[in-house]
PDB file of N, CA and C in Angstrom:
ATOM      1  N   MET A   1      -9.998 -30.810  36.845  1.00  0.00           N
ATOM      2  CA  MET A   1     -10.913 -31.914  35.961  1.00  0.00           C
ATOM      3  C   MET A   1     -11.634 -30.607  35.153  1.00  0.00           C
ATOM      4  N   PHE A   2     -12.070 -30.214  35.831  1.00  0.00           N
ATOM      5  CA  PHE A   2     -13.139 -28.918  35.372  1.00  0.00           C
ATOM      6  C   PHE A   2     -12.304 -27.818  35.103  1.00  0.00           C
ATOM      7  N   GLY A   3     -11.358 -27.521  35.403  1.00  0.00           N
ATOM      8  CA  GLY A   3     -10.342 -26.603  34.815  1.00  0.00           C
ATOM      9  C   GLY A   3      -9.484 -26.758  33.702  1.00  0.00           C
ATOM     10  N   ARG A   4      -8.872 -27.646  33.353  1.00  0.00           N
ATOM     11  CA  ARG A   4      -8.872 -28.618  32.216  1.00  0.00           C
ATOM     12  C   ARG A   4     -10.003 -28.306  31.117  1.00  0.00           C
ATOM     13  N   LEU A   5     -10.801 -28.907  31.184  1.00  0.00           N
ATOM     14  CA  LEU A   5     -11.988 -29.158  30.123  1.00  0.00           C
ATOM     15  C   LEU A   5     -12.363 -28.022  29.689  1.00  0.00           C
ATOM     16  N   LEU A   6     -12.631 -26.824  30.927  1.00  0.00           N
ATOM     17  CA  LEU A   6     -12.680 -24.897  30.588  1.00  0.00           C
ATOM     18  C   LEU A   6     -10.986 -24.678  29.502  1.00  0.00           C
ATOM     19  N   THR A   7     -10.383 -25.189  29.712  1.00  0.00           N
ATOM     20  CA  THR A   7      -9.209 -24.416  29.564  1.00  0.00           C
ATOM     21  C   THR A   7      -9.095 -25.400  27.953  1.00  0.00           C
ATOM     22  N   ILE A   8      -9.465 -26.244  27.395  1.00  0.00           N
ATOM     23  CA  ILE A   8      -9.397 -27.243  26.450  1.00  0.00           C
ATOM     24  C   ILE A   8     -10.608 -26.448  25.682  1.00  0.00           C
ATOM     25  N   ALA A   9     -11.735 -26.510  26.239  1.00  0.00           N
ATOM     26  CA  ALA A   9     -12.723 -25.402  25.588  1.00  0.00           C
ATOM     27  C   ALA A   9     -12.739 -24.154  25.350  1.00  0.00           C
ATOM     28  N   ILE A  10     -12.025 -23.133  26.004  1.00  0.00           N
ATOM     29  CA  ILE A  10     -11.600 -22.060  25.317  1.00  0.00           C
ATOM     30  C   ILE A  10     -10.435 -22.277  24.216  1.00  0.00           C
ATOM     31  N   LEU A  11     -10.001 -23.006  24.134  1.00  0.00           N
ATOM     32  CA  LEU A  11      -8.419 -23.445  23.164  1.00  0.00           C
ATOM     33  C   LEU A  11      -9.194 -23.456  21.669  1.00  0.00           C
ATOM     34  N   VAL A  12     -10.014 -24.377  21.728  1.00  0.00           N
ATOM     35  CA  VAL A  12     -11.179 -24.710  21.021  1.00  0.00           C
ATOM     36  C   VAL A  12     -12.123 -23.228  20.348  1.00  0.00           C
ATOM     37  N   ALA A  13     -12.659 -23.319  21.334  1.00  0.00           N
ATOM     38  CA  ALA A  13     -13.331 -21.911  20.745  1.00  0.00           C
ATOM     39  C   ALA A  13     -12.103 -20.742  19.949  1.00  0.00           C
ATOM     40  N   ALA A  14     -11.229 -20.519  20.531  1.00  0.00           N
ATOM     41  CA  ALA A  14     -10.487 -19.565  19.901  1.00  0.00           C
ATOM     42  C   ALA A  14      -9.701 -20.319  18.539  1.00  0.00           C
ATOM     43  N   GLY A  15      -9.936 -21.345  18.659  1.00  0.00           N
ATOM     44  CA  GLY A  15      -9.394 -22.094  17.298  1.00  0.00           C
ATOM     45  C   GLY A  15     -10.391 -21.978  16.296  1.00  0.00           C
ATOM     46  N   TYR A  16     -11.819 -21.972  17.025  1.00  0.00           N
ATOM     47  CA  TYR A  16     -12.407 -22.007  15.505  1.00  0.00           C
ATOM     48  C   TYR A  16     -12.659 -20.732  15.125  1.00  0.00           C
ATOM     49  N   TRP A  17     -12.859 -19.804  16.326  1.00  0.00           N
ATOM     50  CA  TRP A  17     -13.306 -18.359  15.689  1.00  0.00           C
ATOM     51  C   TRP A  17     -12.091 -17.751  14.525  1.00  0.00           C
ATOM     52  N   TYR A  18     -10.511 -18.337  15.272  1.00  0.00           N
ATOM     53  CA  TYR A  18      -9.518 -17.810  14.227  1.00  0.00           C
ATOM     54  C   TYR A  18      -9.935 -18.422  12.727  1.00  0.00           C
ATOM     55  N   TRP A  19      -9.928 -19.653  12.615  1.00  0.00           N
ATOM     56  CA  TRP A  19     -10.409 -20.287  11.183  1.00  0.00           C
ATOM     57  C   TRP A  19     -11.364 -20.025  10.643  1.00  0.00           C
ATOM     58  N   SER A  20     -12.490 -19.470  11.122  1.00  0.00           N
ATOM     59  CA  SER A  20     -13.841 -19.160  10.566  1.00  0.00           C
ATOM     60  C   SER A  20     -13.754 -17.543  10.040  1.00  0.00           C
ATOM     61  N   GLY A  21     -12.591 -16.924  10.787  1.00  0.00           N
ATOM     62  CA  GLY A  21     -12.915 -15.538  10.838  1.00  0.00           C
ATOM     63  C   GLY A  21     -11.620 -14.888   9.827  1.00  0.00           C
ATOM     64  N   PRO A  22     -10.214 -14.686  10.760  1.00  0.00           N
ATOM     65  CA  PRO A  22      -9.234 -13.847  10.190  1.00  0.00           C
ATOM     66  C   PRO A  22      -8.810 -14.988   8.746  1.00  0.00           C
ATOM     67  N   TYR A  23      -8.390 -16.293   9.180  1.00  0.00           N
ATOM     68  CA  TYR A  23      -7.886 -16.955   8.296  1.00  0.00           C
ATOM     69  C   TYR A  23      -8.600 -16.805   7.078  1.00  0.00           C
ATOM     70  N   GLN A  24     -10.352 -17.525   7.159  1.00  0.00           N
ATOM     71  CA  GLN A  24     -10.423 -17.267   5.952  1.00  0.00           C
ATOM     72  C   GLN A  24     -10.532 -16.109   5.306  1.00  0.00           C
ATOM     73  N   GLN A  25     -11.177 -15.197   5.716  1.00  0.00           N
ATOM     74  CA  GLN A  25     -11.065 -13.396   6.005  1.00  0.00           C
ATOM     75  C   GLN A  25      -9.781 -13.238   4.761  1.00  0.00           C
ATOM     76  N   GLN A  26      -8.481 -13.844   5.014  1.00  0.00           N
ATOM     77  CA  GLN A  26      -7.133 -13.571   4.577  1.00  0.00           C
ATOM     78  C   GLN A  26      -7.268 -14.622   2.912  1.00  0.00           C
ATOM     79  N   ARG A  27      -7.218 -15.725   3.138  1.00  0.00           N
ATOM     80  CA  ARG A  27      -7.523 -16.744   1.967  1.00  0.00           C
ATOM     81  C   ARG A  27      -8.613 -16.564   0.793  1.00  0.00           C
ATOM     82  N   ASN A  28      -9.533 -15.559   1.603  1.00  0.00           N
ATOM     83  CA  ASN A  28     -10.588 -15.507   0.516  1.00  0.00           C
ATOM     84  C   ASN A  28     -11.214 -14.178   0.858  1.00  0.00           C
ATOM     85  N   PRO A  29     -10.246 -12.984   0.463  1.00  0.00           N
ATOM     86  CA  PRO A  29     -11.328 -11.309   0.577  1.00  0.00           C
ATOM     87  C   PRO A  29     -11.757 -11.405  -0.064  1.00  0.00           C
ATOM     88  N   ASP A  30     -12.743 -10.338   0.382  1.00  0.00           N
ATOM     89  CA  ASP A  30     -14.304  -9.807  -0.378  1.00  0.00           C
ATOM     90  C   ASP A  30     -13.438  -9.095  -1.379  1.00  0.00           C
ATOM     91  N   ALA A  31     -14.732  -8.311  -2.256  1.00  0.00           N
ATOM     92  CA  ALA A  31     -14.160  -7.265  -3.247  1.00  0.00           C
ATOM     93  C   ALA A  31     -13.539  -6.038  -2.746  1.00  0.00           C
ATOM     94  N   ALA A  32     -14.604  -5.030  -1.648  1.00  0.00           N
ATOM     95  CA  ALA A  32     -14.009  -4.623  -0.843  1.00  0.00           C
ATOM     96  C   ALA A  32     -12.311  -4.416  -0.400  1.00  0.00           C
ATOM     97  N   HIS A  33     -12.316  -5.534   0.493  1.00  0.00           N
ATOM     98  CA  HIS A  33     -10.383  -6.034   0.770  1.00  0.00           C
ATOM     99  C   HIS A  33      -9.400  -5.958  -0.496  1.00  0.00           C
ATOM    100  N   LYS A  34     -10.263  -6.989  -1.729  1.00  0.00           N
ATOM    101  CA  LYS A  34      -9.278  -6.837  -2.681  1.00  0.00           C
ATOM    102  C   LYS A  34      -9.332  -5.464  -3.361  1.00  0.00           C
ATOM    103  N   LEU A  35     -10.309  -4.771  -3.745  1.00  0.00           N
ATOM    104  CA  LEU A  35      -9.950  -3.067  -3.958  1.00  0.00           C
ATOM    105  C   LEU A  35      -9.108  -2.278  -3.528  1.00  0.00           C
ATOM    106  N   GLU A  36      -8.554  -2.208  -2.064  1.00  0.00           N
ATOM    107  CA  GLU A  36      -8.256  -1.722  -1.120  1.00  0.00           C
ATOM    108  C   GLU A  36      -6.296  -2.299  -1.387  1.00  0.00           C
ATOM    109  N   ALA A  37      -6.490  -3.574  -1.398  1.00  0.00           N
ATOM    110  CA  ALA A  37      -5.199  -4.212  -1.575  1.00  0.00           C
ATOM    111  C   ALA A  37      -4.597  -3.385  -3.212  1.00  0.00           C
ATOM    112  N   ASP A  38      -5.487  -3.720  -3.823  1.00  0.00           N
ATOM    113  CA  ASP A  38      -4.978  -3.060  -5.549  1.00  0.00           C
ATOM    114  C   ASP A  38      -4.815  -2.068  -5.001  1.00  0.00           C
ATOM    115  N   LEU A  39      -5.347  -0.865  -4.719  1.00  0.00           N
ATOM    116  CA  LEU A  39      -5.516   0.718  -4.356  1.00  0.00           C
ATOM    117  C   LEU A  39      -3.998   0.602  -3.956  1.00  0.00           C
ATOM    118  N   GLU A  40      -3.466   0.081  -2.799  1.00  0.00           N
ATOM    119  CA  GLU A  40      -2.324   0.286  -2.202  1.00  0.00           C
ATOM    120  C   GLU A  40      -1.328  -0.036  -2.902  1.00  0.00           C
ATOM    121  N   LYS A  41      -1.499  -1.336  -3.902  1.00  0.00           N
ATOM    122  CA  LYS A  41      -0.091  -1.846  -4.511  1.00  0.00           C
ATOM    123  C   LYS A  41      -0.036  -0.249  -5.928  1.00  0.00           C
ATOM    124  N   MET A  42      -0.957   0.124  -6.309  1.00  0.00           N
ATOM    125  CA  MET A  42      -0.970   1.142  -7.646  1.00  0.00           C
ATOM    126  C   MET A  42      -0.140   2.000  -6.521  1.00  0.00           C
ATOM    127  N   ARG A  43      -0.749   2.777  -5.426  1.00  0.00           N
ATOM    128  CA  ARG A  43      -0.181   3.868  -4.708  1.00  0.00           C
ATOM    129  C   ARG A  43       1.305   3.611  -3.939  1.00  0.00           C
ATOM    130  N   GLN A  44       2.041   2.840  -3.907  1.00  0.00           N
ATOM    131  CA  GLN A  44       3.074   2.119  -3.194  1.00  0.00           C
ATOM    132  C   GLN A  44       4.174   2.262  -4.828  1.00  0.00           C
ATOM    133  N   CYS A  45       3.675   1.579  -6.276  1.00  0.00           N
ATOM    134  CA  CYS A  45       4.379   1.570  -7.485  1.00  0.00           C
ATOM    135  C   CYS A  45       4.619   2.824  -7.914  1.00  0.00           C
ATOM    136  N   VAL A  46       3.476   3.615  -7.798  1.00  0.00           N
ATOM    137  CA  VAL A  46       3.342   5.059  -8.780  1.00  0.00           C
ATOM    138  C   VAL A  46       4.263   5.618  -7.682  1.00  0.00           C
ATOM    139  N   ARG A  47       4.095   5.312  -6.518  1.00  0.00           N
ATOM    140  CA  ARG A  47       4.913   6.514  -5.629  1.00  0.00           C
ATOM    141  C   ARG A  47       6.696   6.184  -6.262  1.00  0.00           C
ATOM    142  N   GLY A  48       7.145   4.712  -5.692  1.00  0.00           N
ATOM    143  CA  GLY A  48       7.933   4.273  -6.399  1.00  0.00           C
ATOM    144  C   GLY A  48       8.778   4.875  -7.434  1.00  0.00           C
ATOM    145  N   MET A  49       7.734   4.519  -8.830  1.00  0.00           N
ATOM    146  CA  MET A  49       8.171   4.977 -10.271  1.00  0.00           C
ATOM    147  C   MET A  49       8.531   6.509  -9.876  1.00  0.00           C
ATOM    148  N   ASN A  50       7.580   7.545  -9.271  1.00  0.00           N
ATOM    149  CA  ASN A  50       8.100   8.753  -9.282  1.00  0.00           C
ATOM    150  C   ASN A  50       9.327   9.226  -8.579  1.00  0.00           C
ATOM    151  N   TYR A  51       9.815   8.596  -7.462  1.00  0.00           N
ATOM    152  CA  TYR A  51      11.029   8.845  -6.817  1.00  0.00           C
ATOM    153  C   TYR A  51      11.715   8.668  -7.367  1.00  0.00           C
ATOM    154  N   LYS A  52      12.218   7.112  -8.387  1.00  0.00           N
ATOM    155  CA  LYS A  52      13.284   7.084  -8.948  1.00  0.00           C
ATOM    156  C   LYS A  52      13.298   8.338 -10.157  1.00  0.00           C
ATOM    157  N   VAL A  53      12.228   8.720 -11.121  1.00  0.00           N
ATOM    158  CA  VAL A  53      12.286   9.390 -11.891  1.00  0.00           C
ATOM    159  C   VAL A  53      12.841  10.884 -11.069  1.00  0.00           C
ATOM    160  N   GLY A  54      12.243  11.503  -9.960  1.00  0.00           N
ATOM    161  CA  GLY A  54      12.942  12.296  -8.908  1.00  0.00           C
ATOM    162  C   GLY A  54      14.129  11.960  -8.792  1.00  0.00           C
ATOM    163  N   ALA A  55      14.732  10.552  -8.379  1.00  0.00           N
ATOM    164  CA  ALA A  55      15.986  10.638  -7.825  1.00  0.00           C
ATOM    165  C   ALA A  55      16.987  10.552  -9.367  1.00  0.00           C
ATOM    166  N   THR A  56      16.619  10.060 -10.020  1.00  0.00           N
ATOM    167  CA  THR A  56      18.008  10.054 -11.210  1.00  0.00           C
ATOM    168  C   THR A  56      17.566  10.795 -12.959  1.00  0.00           C
ATOM    169  N   GLY A  57      16.676  10.829 -12.783  1.00  0.00           N
ATOM    170  CA  GLY A  57      15.601  11.823 -13.914  1.00  0.00           C
ATOM    171  C   GLY A  57      15.785  11.636 -15.136  1.00  0.00           C
ATOM    172  N   ILE A  58      15.389   9.792 -14.922  1.00  0.00           N
ATOM    173  CA  ILE A  58      14.974   9.579 -16.326  1.00  0.00           C
ATOM    174  C   ILE A  58      13.847   8.229 -15.995  1.00  0.00           C
ATOM    175  N   GLY A  59      13.222   8.515 -16.686  1.00  0.00           N
ATOM    176  CA  GLY A  59      11.670   7.131 -16.413  1.00  0.00           C
ATOM    177  C   GLY A  59      11.386   7.044 -17.496  1.00  0.00           C
ATOM    178  N   GLU A  60      10.883   6.177 -17.378  1.00  0.00           N
ATOM    179  CA  GLU A  60      10.413   4.981 -18.290  1.00  0.00           C
ATOM    180  C   GLU A  60       9.067   5.005 -18.865  1.00  0.00           C
ATOM    181  N   GLY A  61       8.067   6.187 -18.794  1.00  0.00           N
ATOM    182  CA  GLY A  61       7.058   6.282 -19.020  1.00  0.00           C
ATOM    183  C   GLY A  61       6.232   6.748 -17.641  1.00  0.00           C
ATOM    184  N   ASN A  62       4.681   6.885 -18.297  1.00  0.00           N
ATOM    185  CA  ASN A  62       3.453   6.924 -18.110  1.00  0.00           C
ATOM    186  C   ASN A  62       3.858   6.073 -16.460  1.00  0.00           C
ATOM    187  N   PRO A  63       3.614   6.465 -15.011  1.00  0.00           N
ATOM    188  CA  PRO A  63       3.926   5.482 -14.779  1.00  0.00           C
ATOM    189  C   PRO A  63       2.615   4.836 -14.143  1.00  0.00           C
ATOM    190  N   GLU A  64       1.702   5.276 -13.979  1.00  0.00           N
ATOM    191  CA  GLU A  64       0.165   4.597 -14.052  1.00  0.00           C
ATOM    192  C   GLU A  64       0.136   3.515 -15.085  1.00  0.00           C
ATOM    193  N   GLU A  65       0.250   3.806 -16.582  1.00  0.00           N
ATOM    194  CA  GLU A  65      -0.378   2.894 -17.081  1.00  0.00           C
ATOM    195  C   GLU A  65       1.390   1.843 -17.108  1.00  0.00           C
ATOM    196  N   ILE A  66       2.426   2.076 -15.989  1.00  0.00           N
ATOM    197  CA  ILE A  66       3.261   1.054 -16.513  1.00  0.00           C
ATOM    198  C   ILE A  66       2.821  -0.050 -15.029  1.00  0.00           C
ATOM    199  N   CYS A  67       2.543   0.775 -14.326  1.00  0.00           N
ATOM    200  CA  CYS A  67       2.213  -0.005 -13.316  1.00  0.00           C
ATOM    201  C   CYS A  67       0.645  -0.450 -13.374  1.00  0.00           C
ATOM    202  N   ALA A  68      -0.401  -0.447 -13.574  1.00  0.00           N
ATOM    203  CA  ALA A  68      -1.386  -0.938 -13.776  1.00  0.00           C
ATOM    204  C   ALA A  68      -0.916  -2.270 -14.860  1.00  0.00           C
ATOM    205  N   GLU A  69      -0.029  -2.110 -15.750  1.00  0.00           N
ATOM    206  CA  GLU A  69       0.514  -3.516 -16.306  1.00  0.00           C
ATOM    207  C   GLU A  69       1.059  -4.652 -16.237  1.00  0.00           C
ATOM    208  N   LYS A  70       1.900  -4.037 -14.846  1.00  0.00           N
ATOM    209  CA  LYS A  70       2.450  -4.555 -13.593  1.00  0.00           C
ATOM    210  C   LYS A  70       2.011  -5.307 -12.707  1.00  0.00           C
ATOM    211  N   PHE A  71       0.295  -4.615 -12.978  1.00  0.00           N
ATOM    212  CA  PHE A  71      -0.406  -5.418 -11.681  1.00  0.00           C
ATOM    213  C   PHE A  71      -1.476  -6.251 -12.481  1.00  0.00           C
ATOM    214  N   ASP A  72      -2.018  -5.725 -13.719  1.00  0.00           N
ATOM    215  CA  ASP A  72      -3.175  -6.549 -14.406  1.00  0.00           C
ATOM    216  C   ASP A  72      -4.098  -6.142 -14.129  1.00  0.00           C
ATOM    217  N   LEU A  73      -4.059  -4.802 -13.567  1.00  0.00           N
ATOM    218  CA  LEU A  73      -5.129  -3.346 -13.265  1.00  0.00           C
ATOM    219  C   LEU A  73      -5.767  -2.802 -14.408  1.00  0.00           C
ATOM    220  N   TYR A  74      -6.987  -2.016 -14.337  1.00  0.00           N
ATOM    221  CA  TYR A  74      -7.640  -1.101 -15.366  1.00  0.00           C
ATOM    222  C   TYR A  74      -8.224  -0.211 -14.610  1.00  0.00           C
ATOM    223  N   TYR A  75      -8.688   0.982 -14.557  1.00  0.00           N
ATOM    224  CA  TYR A  75      -9.366   2.172 -13.930  1.00  0.00           C
ATOM    225  C   TYR A  75     -10.737   1.973 -14.522  1.00  0.00           C
ATOM    226  N   TYR A  76     -11.576   2.060 -13.521  1.00  0.00           N
ATOM    227  CA  TYR A  76     -13.086   2.664 -13.906  1.00  0.00           C
ATOM    228  C   TYR A  76     -13.651   3.057 -13.166  1.00  0.00           C
ATOM    229  N   GLU A  77     -14.542   3.904 -13.243  1.00  0.00           N
ATOM    230  CA  GLU A  77     -15.294   4.660 -12.315  1.00  0.00           C
ATOM    231  C   GLU A  77     -14.440   5.564 -11.165  1.00  0.00           C
ATOM    232  N   GLY A  78     -13.346   5.976 -11.664  1.00  0.00           N
ATOM    233  CA  GLY A  78     -12.139   6.317 -10.533  1.00  0.00           C
ATOM    234  C   GLY A  78     -11.805   5.342  -9.613  1.00  0.00           C
ATOM    235  N   GLU A  79     -11.657   4.191  -9.912  1.00  0.00           N
ATOM    236  CA  GLU A  79     -10.807   3.019  -9.175  1.00  0.00           C
ATOM    237  C   GLU A  79     -10.337   2.332  -9.652  1.00  0.00           C
ATOM    238  N   TRP A  80      -9.375   1.862  -9.460  1.00  0.00           N
ATOM    239  CA  TRP A  80      -8.441   0.606 -10.210  1.00  0.00           C
ATOM    240  C   TRP A  80      -8.972  -0.825  -9.834  1.00  0.00           C
ATOM    241  N   ARG A  81      -9.289  -1.331 -10.627  1.00  0.00           N
ATOM    242  CA  ARG A  81      -9.795  -2.340 -10.939  1.00  0.00           C
ATOM    243  C   ARG A  81      -8.744  -4.116 -10.942  1.00  0.00           C
ATOM    244  N   SER A  82      -9.270  -5.281 -10.659  1.00  0.00           N
ATOM    245  CA  SER A  82      -8.063  -6.260 -11.253  1.00  0.00           C
ATOM    246  C   SER A  82      -8.714  -6.437 -12.603  1.00  0.00           C
ATOM    247  N   ASN A  83      -7.678  -6.715 -13.903  1.00  0.00           N
ATOM    248  CA  ASN A  83      -8.610  -7.819 -14.875  1.00  0.00           C
ATOM    249  C   ASN A  83      -9.600  -8.950 -14.433  1.00  0.00           C
ATOM    250  N   SER A  84      -8.840  -9.874 -13.252  1.00  0.00           N
ATOM    251  CA  SER A  84      -9.194 -10.887 -13.108  1.00  0.00           C
ATOM    252  C   SER A  84     -10.442 -11.410 -12.576  1.00  0.00           C
ATOM    253  N   ASP A  85     -11.146 -10.109 -12.137  1.00  0.00           N
ATOM    254  CA  ASP A  85     -12.325  -9.476 -11.729  1.00  0.00           C
ATOM    255  C   ASP A  85     -13.352  -9.440 -12.915  1.00  0.00           C
ATOM    256  N   ARG A  86     -13.058  -9.338 -13.980  1.00  0.00           N
ATOM    257  CA  ARG A  86     -14.248  -9.312 -14.957  1.00  0.00           C
ATOM    258  C   ARG A  86     -14.662 -10.485 -15.213  1.00  0.00           C
TER     259      ARG A  86
END
């Protein structure tokens, strides 16, 4: 009986920890995580556009401007920031 109670208590504690920590962080990221995610999106987009230009020789314009418009970002104080954070 005590073993079942202990198992249930451990499962409840693990569930509460997950819900209050990683799950909430995923659903409501703080500003630092948003900034890092925006920076990574810009890196991937610019890298992909540069690869496309290198492979085909055809460019659509400035990759940073196109990617910033695509993800609704702007450049401020050396960092890419989201227009939704204004």
